[in-house]
Protein backbone atom coordinates (compact mmCIF):
# COMPACT_ATOMS: atom_id res chain seq x y z
CA MET A 1 0.00 0.00 0.00
CA ALA A 2 2.89 2.37 0.72
CA ARG A 3 3.93 1.94 -2.95
CA SER A 4 0.48 2.95 -4.23
CA GLY A 5 0.91 6.68 -3.80
CA LEU A 6 0.98 7.19 -0.04
CA GLY A 7 3.87 9.20 1.29
CA GLN A 8 5.78 8.85 4.51
CA ASP A 9 4.04 11.65 6.43
CA PRO A 10 2.46 10.77 9.80
CA GLY A 11 -1.07 10.59 8.35
CA SER A 12 -0.05 8.14 5.63
CA THR A 13 1.95 6.03 8.05
CA ALA A 14 -1.01 5.82 10.43
CA ALA A 15 -3.37 4.84 7.60
CA VAL A 16 -1.03 2.07 6.43
CA ALA A 17 -0.68 0.70 9.97
CA VAL A 18 -4.43 0.69 10.68
CA ILE A 19 -5.38 -0.93 7.36
CA LYS A 20 -2.63 -3.52 7.75
CA ARG A 21 -4.05 -4.38 11.18
CA ALA A 22 -7.56 -4.62 9.73
CA LEU A 23 -6.38 -7.12 7.12
CA GLU A 24 -4.63 -9.19 9.79
CA LEU A 25 -7.73 -9.25 12.00
CA GLU A 26 -9.95 -10.24 9.08
CA SER A 27 -7.61 -13.11 8.18
CA GLU A 28 -7.90 -14.30 11.81
CA SER A 29 -11.73 -14.13 11.62
CA ARG A 30 -11.77 -11.42 14.29
CA TYR A 31 -14.43 -9.56 12.37
CA PRO A 32 -15.70 -7.00 14.92
CA GLN A 33 -12.17 -5.70 15.55
CA ALA A 34 -11.41 -5.77 11.83
CA LEU A 35 -14.51 -3.68 11.09
CA VAL A 36 -13.46 -1.02 13.59
CA CYS A 37 -9.96 -0.85 12.06
CA TYR A 38 -11.31 -0.69 8.50
CA GLN A 39 -13.59 2.18 9.45
CA GLU A 40 -10.76 4.08 11.14
CA GLY A 41 -8.37 3.37 8.24
CA ILE A 42 -10.90 4.49 5.62
CA ASP A 43 -11.41 7.77 7.47
CA LEU A 44 -7.65 8.35 7.47
CA LEU A 45 -7.42 7.56 3.74
CA LEU A 46 -10.26 9.96 2.95
CA GLN A 47 -8.40 12.71 4.78
CA ILE A 48 -5.29 11.97 2.73
CA LEU A 49 -7.35 11.98 -0.49
CA LYS A 50 -8.67 15.48 0.28
CA GLY A 51 -5.12 16.81 0.52
CA THR A 52 -3.78 15.03 -2.58
CA LYS A 53 -3.43 17.02 -5.81
CA ASP A 54 -1.70 14.47 -8.03
CA GLU A 55 -4.39 12.80 -10.18
CA THR A 56 -2.55 9.46 -10.42
CA LYS A 57 -2.22 9.28 -6.66
CA LYS A 58 -5.89 10.25 -6.28
CA CYS A 59 -6.93 7.44 -8.61
CA ASN A 60 -4.88 4.86 -6.65
CA LEU A 61 -6.28 6.11 -3.36
CA ARG A 62 -9.87 5.89 -4.61
CA LYS A 63 -9.30 2.28 -5.69
CA ARG A 64 -7.85 1.39 -2.29
CA ILE A 65 -10.65 3.13 -0.43
CA SER A 66 -13.28 1.38 -2.56
CA GLU A 67 -11.64 -2.00 -1.90
CA TYR A 68 -11.56 -1.47 1.88
CA MET A 69 -15.11 -0.13 1.92
CA ASP A 70 -16.29 -3.31 0.18
CA ARG A 71 -14.44 -5.44 2.73
CA ALA A 72 -15.93 -3.47 5.63
CA GLU A 73 -19.44 -3.71 4.16
CA ASN A 74 -19.17 -7.49 3.75
CA ILE A 75 -18.05 -7.86 7.37
CA LYS A 76 -20.90 -5.64 8.54
CA LYS A 77 -23.47 -7.73 6.63
CA TYR A 78 -22.10 -10.91 8.17
CA LEU A 79 -22.25 -9.46 11.70
CA ASP A 80 -25.79 -8.18 11.11
CA GLN A 81 -26.89 -11.65 10.06
CA GLU A 82 -25.40 -13.11 13.23
CA LYS A 83 -27.26 -10.58 15.34
CA GLU A 84 -30.57 -11.22 13.64
CA ALA A 85 -30.16 -14.96 14.25
CA GLY A 86 -30.55 -14.26 17.97
CA LYS A 87 -27.49 -16.30 18.91
CA TYR A 88 -25.01 -13.50 18.75
CA HIS A 89 -21.98 -13.51 21.02
CA LYS A 90 -19.07 -11.30 20.15
CA GLN A 91 -15.83 -10.94 22.06
CA ILE A 92 -13.57 -8.00 21.39
CA LYS A 93 -10.02 -8.19 22.67
CA ILE A 94 -8.53 -4.72 22.99
CA GLU A 95 -4.76 -4.81 23.25
CA GLU A 96 -2.72 -2.58 25.55
CA ASN A 97 -2.35 0.98 24.19
CA ALA A 98 -4.87 0.29 21.40
CA THR A 99 -6.83 3.23 19.98
CA GLY A 100 -10.07 3.54 18.02
CA PHE A 101 -12.32 1.91 20.63
CA SER A 102 -14.35 4.81 21.99
CA TYR A 103 -17.72 4.28 23.67
CA GLU A 104 -19.38 5.17 20.36
CA SER A 105 -17.43 2.53 18.43
CA LEU A 106 -18.27 -0.17 21.01
CA PHE A 107 -21.91 0.62 21.78
CA GLN A 108 -23.43 2.64 18.94
CA GLU A 109 -24.47 -0.30 16.77
CA TYR A 110 -26.56 -1.72 19.64
CA LEU A 111 -28.40 1.53 20.27
CA ASN A 112 -31.58 2.20 18.34
CA GLU A 113 -34.84 4.03 18.93
CA ALA A 114 -36.16 1.07 20.93
CA VAL A 115 -33.65 1.79 23.72
CA THR A 116 -35.38 3.81 26.42
CA GLU A 117 -33.77 2.34 29.55
CA VAL A 118 -30.16 1.46 30.41
CA TRP A 119 -28.67 -0.36 33.41
CA ILE A 120 -24.99 0.09 34.35
CA GLU A 121 -23.34 -1.99 37.05
CA ASP A 122 -19.83 -0.72 37.75
CA PRO A 123 -18.21 -0.57 41.21
CA TYR A 124 -15.73 2.11 40.18
CA ILE A 125 -17.59 5.33 39.41
CA ARG A 126 -15.85 7.28 42.15
CA TYR A 127 -12.95 9.48 41.14
CA THR A 128 -12.89 12.46 38.77
CA HIS A 129 -11.75 10.57 35.68
CA GLN A 130 -14.23 7.73 36.37
CA LEU A 131 -17.07 10.21 36.80
CA TYR A 132 -16.05 11.81 33.53
CA ASN A 133 -16.04 8.42 31.80
CA PHE A 134 -19.59 7.85 33.05
CA LEU A 135 -20.54 11.32 31.88
CA ARG A 136 -19.20 10.63 28.39
CA PHE A 137 -21.21 7.42 28.29
CA CYS A 138 -24.36 9.36 29.26
CA GLU A 139 -23.48 11.99 26.66
CA MET A 140 -23.45 9.30 23.99
CA LEU A 141 -26.91 8.10 25.09
CA VAL A 142 -28.35 11.63 25.05
CA LYS A 143 -27.04 12.27 21.53
CA GLY A 144 -29.09 9.35 20.19
CA PRO A 145 -30.26 7.66 18.07
CA CYS A 146 -31.84 5.98 21.11
CA LYS A 147 -34.60 7.64 23.13
CA VAL A 148 -33.28 6.98 26.62
CA LYS A 149 -35.54 8.13 29.43
CA THR A 150 -34.01 6.32 32.42
CA ILE A 151 -30.44 5.36 33.31
CA HIS A 152 -29.87 3.09 36.32
CA LEU A 153 -26.41 3.15 37.90
CA LEU A 154 -25.40 0.58 40.50
CA THR A 155 -21.97 1.36 41.93
CA SER A 156 -20.06 1.23 45.20
CA LEU A 157 -19.86 4.09 47.66
CA GLU A 158 -16.49 5.72 48.20
CA GLU A 159 -15.77 5.69 51.93
CA GLY A 160 -12.52 7.68 51.95
CA GLY A 161 -11.69 11.29 51.26
CA GLY A 162 -13.31 11.12 47.82
CA LYS A 163 -16.81 10.53 49.16
CA GLU A 164 -17.87 14.15 48.72
CA GLN A 165 -16.36 14.28 45.24
CA GLN A 166 -18.29 11.19 44.17
CA SER A 167 -21.54 12.44 45.68
CA SER A 168 -21.35 15.94 44.21
CA GLY A 169 -20.17 14.66 40.82
CA LEU A 170 -23.05 12.20 40.46
CA LYS A 171 -25.51 14.82 41.67
CA GLU A 172 -24.24 17.23 39.04
CA ILE A 173 -24.57 14.62 36.29
CA LYS A 174 -28.07 13.74 37.52
CA GLU A 175 -29.18 17.39 37.35
CA SER A 176 -27.69 17.81 33.90
CA LEU A 177 -29.42 14.69 32.59
CA ARG A 178 -32.71 15.87 34.07
CA SER A 179 -32.46 19.03 31.96
CA HIS A 180 -32.41 16.71 28.93
CA GLY A 181 -35.44 14.74 30.09
CA VAL A 182 -33.44 11.77 31.35
CA LEU A 183 -33.81 10.32 34.87
CA LEU A 184 -30.65 9.00 36.55
CA GLU A 185 -31.43 6.48 39.30
CA LEU A 186 -28.53 5.83 41.69
CA GLU A 187 -28.06 2.78 43.88
CA TYR A 188 -25.03 1.76 45.96
CA SER A 189 -23.80 -1.68 46.95
CA SER A 190 -20.77 -2.74 48.97
CA SER A 191 -20.77 -6.21 47.40
CA ILE A 192 -20.84 -5.34 43.71
CA HIS A 193 -17.91 -6.75 41.69
CA ASP A 194 -19.17 -7.49 38.17
CA ARG A 195 -19.30 -4.90 35.44
CA GLU A 196 -22.25 -5.03 33.07
CA ILE A 197 -24.26 -2.74 30.80
CA ARG A 198 -27.78 -3.71 29.67
CA PHE A 199 -30.06 -2.05 27.14
CA ASN A 200 -33.78 -2.73 27.21
CA ASN A 201 -33.69 -3.87 23.56
CA GLY A 202 -32.00 -7.04 24.80
CA TRP A 203 -28.26 -6.39 24.41
CA ILE A 204 -25.87 -7.12 27.28
CA ILE A 205 -22.28 -5.84 27.27
CA LYS A 206 -19.73 -7.14 29.75
CA ILE A 207 -16.43 -5.23 29.95
CA GLY A 208 -13.58 -6.50 32.10
CA ARG A 209 -12.75 -3.02 33.38
CA GLY A 210 -16.23 -1.53 33.13
CA LEU A 211 -16.28 2.04 31.79
CA ASP A 212 -12.86 2.74 33.29
CA TYR A 213 -10.69 1.30 30.51
CA PHE A 214 -9.02 4.54 29.40
CA GLN A 215 -5.72 5.67 30.77
CA LYS A 216 -6.18 8.20 33.53
CA PRO A 217 -6.27 11.72 32.03
CA GLN A 218 -3.38 14.05 32.73
CA ILE A 219 -5.61 16.98 33.70
CA GLN A 220 -8.38 17.41 36.23
CA VAL A 221 -11.83 17.60 34.67
CA THR A 222 -14.02 20.00 36.64
CA PHE A 223 -16.81 20.84 34.23
CA LEU A 224 -19.27 19.10 31.93
CA PRO A 225 -18.93 18.85 28.15
CA ARG A 226 -21.25 21.12 26.20
CA ILE A 227 -23.76 18.43 25.19
CA LEU A 228 -24.84 18.04 28.82
CA MET A 229 -24.03 21.51 30.08
CA PRO A 230 -27.00 23.57 31.33
CA ALA A 231 -27.07 27.11 29.97
CA ASN A 232 -26.05 28.62 33.31
CA TYR A 233 -23.55 25.90 34.25
CA ASN A 234 -20.30 27.81 33.72
CA ARG A 235 -21.19 30.57 36.22
CA GLY A 236 -17.90 32.36 35.69
CA ARG A 237 -15.68 29.32 36.36
CA ILE A 238 -14.17 29.41 32.87
CA PRO A 239 -13.88 32.55 30.70
CA PRO A 240 -16.13 32.12 27.61
CA GLU A 241 -13.19 32.55 25.24
CA GLU A 242 -11.39 29.65 26.98
CA GLU A 243 -14.33 27.28 27.25
CA ASN A 244 -14.16 25.73 23.76
CA ARG A 245 -10.37 25.42 23.87
CA LEU A 246 -10.43 23.65 27.22
CA ALA A 247 -13.26 21.33 26.17
CA PHE A 248 -11.25 20.33 23.10
CA GLN A 249 -8.17 19.82 25.26
CA ILE A 250 -10.08 17.44 27.52
CA HIS A 251 -11.31 15.35 24.60
CA VAL A 252 -7.77 15.08 23.26
CA VAL A 253 -6.43 13.87 26.60
CA MET A 254 -9.33 11.44 26.97
CA ASP A 255 -8.82 9.82 23.56
CA PRO A 256 -9.03 6.01 23.79
CA VAL A 257 -5.69 4.66 25.01
CA PHE A 258 -6.03 1.58 27.15
CA HIS A 259 -4.38 0.56 30.44
CA SER A 260 -3.90 -3.08 29.48
CA GLN A 261 -5.64 -5.81 27.53
CA VAL A 262 -9.43 -5.46 27.87
CA LEU A 263 -12.04 -8.10 27.01
CA VAL A 264 -15.48 -6.98 25.88
CA ASN A 265 -18.25 -9.59 25.64
CA ILE A 266 -21.45 -8.66 23.82
CA ILE A 267 -24.39 -11.03 24.12
CA GLY A 268 -27.30 -10.88 21.70
CA ASN A 269 -30.55 -11.50 23.53
CA ARG A 270 -33.05 -9.59 21.45
CA LEU A 271 -36.42 -9.05 23.09
């Protein structure tokens, strides 16, 4: 692929690496992971195409993109058939330091307009970065396409110095969700260990690390992203001219980069 018109700039190198990984995963029949890599690689190639002026290179790039789009579409059709059969069980193995596995990429295909209620069991929604992870998950639900009305969170109660932080953070998220017509129901348990997410359209997702599979961010997050931010939320904490820059900075730091190998099990149990 590097000989087909792609240069050695960082964008081209990244595209080559991601597509190469997609081909390897497909050859190993690891189709869900391959699909994610194809989608990411195609996006990178499209960006390169936009900046390419040489017509020969453009032609080669279009052929490559078309080939990978066909491969991705065939994989997607196969996975859709498995889901419709009602016996779907997919396991995604995310390697250490892998990227491209955001909440959207893991959950979006299981969210449709039938989803109105979500249950999250995760013992570690306590510290700032964990609260922010939970917030980003809620943000994804609010954006749709599902019509979520109720989110149930079962977690453990922080007993140390972070108790107030956990309580105030969850309260703030609850108030923000309420402004979007979504009820957050909180429940605490000292014996919870398993991590599980359930949608009321029948899908169950089990993640080894729960929502906390990103590396800990290098900055402290003290405000909500715009999608869930009430109009009067800022209240002078952040100058308006800085707000967008800081929000972007947070999303950059929180990009998917994983602690260690993570297993994600998705069970098809359509209602």
